[in-house]
Amino acid sequence: MWTGAARTWRESICGASFNVSRGDFRGANLVGANFSGAAGVAANFSRSYLARADFSRARLIGANFEFARISGADFSHADLEAANLEAAGAAKAQFVGANLDGANAQETKFNTANLQDATMRGTVVRFALFPGVNFTGCVSCPSNW
């Protein structure tokens, strides 16, 4: 059955340090998946379900998270330089120490996200929402939102 195969695949990647660069995960259900430390340069996660997924310390330069559901996901110390987060649902996501320099975060909903010690130099934040966000130590963040 497909759901069993997906569950087995998801469990097999948990905790692994692996390369998913240029991988195509469009629309995939990866809720709770562990991509910690993974290389995901230019990976496509658009319209994927990534709630509570762990991307901590992952290298996600130029990755596409457009319209992805990343609520509660952990991007702590991840490199999201030039990543596309346009219109992503990022409520309660952790971006502690993350590099978001040059990222596209237009219309992203960062409700109660944690951007402590993150960097957002040159990040496009037009129409993005930041209610209740922790900007402590964040460089170039829209802390006056």
Foldseek 3Di string as FASTA:
>chain_A
DVVVVVVVVQVVCAPDAEECACPEQDQHENAQGENDNYEHAQYEDDNYEHDQYEPDNYEHDQYEHHQYAHANYEPDLYEDDQYENDLYAHDQYEHHLYEDENYEHENYEHHLYECALYEHHNYHHHNYHYHNYHCHNYHPDPPVD
